[in-house]
Amino acid sequence: MSTRDPQLLMGTLGGTFASMLSLFVTDEVVQTILLAGLGASVSFMVSVLLKWLVRILKKLLNG
C-alpha cells in the first residue's frame, strides 16, 4: 500500500471531519448561522445606503 493511497486519505479525512462534527453544539451552529445572516444583511443595507448617499451628493455637487 502506497503512502498516497486515495482511499486511505479519504477515509482519514472523512473520519477526522466526522469526529470534529461532534465537537460543535447544535445551538452554537444555529446561532452562528443566524448571526452570519444578520451581518450579511446589515452589510448589504449599509452598502445600498452609502451608494444612494453618494449618488445624491454627486447630484448636489454637479448642479
Protein backbone atom coordinates (compact mmCIF):
# COMPACT_ATOMS: atom_id res chain seq x y z
CA MET A 1 0.00 0.00 0.00
CA SER A 2 1.36 3.37 -1.01
CA THR A 3 1.59 6.29 1.39
CA ARG A 4 -0.52 8.30 -1.07
CA ASP A 5 -3.40 5.85 -1.28
CA PRO A 6 -6.52 7.90 -2.13
CA GLN A 7 -8.85 5.57 -0.22
CA LEU A 8 -6.74 5.84 2.90
CA LEU A 9 -6.57 9.62 2.55
CA MET A 10 -10.33 9.99 2.04
CA GLY A 11 -11.04 7.63 4.93
CA THR A 12 -8.74 9.58 7.21
CA LEU A 13 -10.18 12.94 6.18
CA GLY A 14 -13.75 11.64 6.49
CA GLY A 15 -13.09 10.24 9.95
CA THR A 16 -11.43 13.46 11.07
CA PHE A 17 -14.35 15.50 9.77
CA ALA A 18 -16.91 13.20 11.42
CA SER A 19 -15.13 13.40 14.76
CA MET A 20 -14.99 17.19 14.52
CA LEU A 21 -18.74 17.37 13.94
CA SER A 22 -19.36 16.02 17.41
CA LEU A 23 -17.40 18.93 18.89
CA PHE A 24 -19.92 21.50 17.69
CA VAL A 25 -23.01 22.09 19.76
CA THR A 26 -26.15 22.50 17.65
CA ASP A 27 -27.25 25.70 19.40
CA GLU A 28 -23.93 27.34 18.65
CA VAL A 29 -24.13 26.37 14.98
CA VAL A 30 -27.65 27.79 14.67
CA GLN A 31 -26.58 30.98 16.46
CA THR A 32 -23.57 31.32 14.16
CA ILE A 33 -25.72 30.87 11.05
CA LEU A 34 -28.24 33.45 12.26
CA LEU A 35 -25.55 35.98 13.16
CA ALA A 36 -23.82 35.48 9.81
CA GLY A 37 -27.12 36.12 8.02
CA LEU A 38 -27.77 39.21 10.12
CA GLY A 39 -24.27 40.53 9.45
CA ALA A 40 -24.61 39.98 5.71
CA SER A 41 -28.00 41.72 5.69
CA VAL A 42 -26.72 44.74 7.60
CA SER A 43 -23.66 44.96 5.36
CA PHE A 44 -25.87 44.90 2.26
CA MET A 45 -28.18 47.60 3.64
CA VAL A 46 -25.26 49.85 4.54
CA SER A 47 -23.79 49.39 1.04
CA VAL A 48 -27.10 50.34 -0.58
CA LEU A 49 -27.47 53.35 1.72
CA LEU A 50 -23.94 54.57 1.01
CA LYS A 51 -24.42 54.14 -2.74
CA TRP A 52 -27.63 56.17 -2.51
CA LEU A 53 -25.91 58.91 -0.47
CA VAL A 54 -23.01 59.13 -2.95
CA ARG A 55 -25.47 59.47 -5.84
CA ILE A 56 -27.33 62.26 -4.01
CA LEU A 57 -24.08 64.07 -3.16
CA LYS A 58 -22.85 63.84 -6.76
CA LYS A 59 -26.10 65.40 -7.99
CA LEU A 60 -25.84 68.21 -5.44
CA LEU A 61 -22.21 68.97 -6.25
CA ASN A 62 -22.56 68.80 -10.01
CA GLY A 63 -25.52 71.05 -10.24
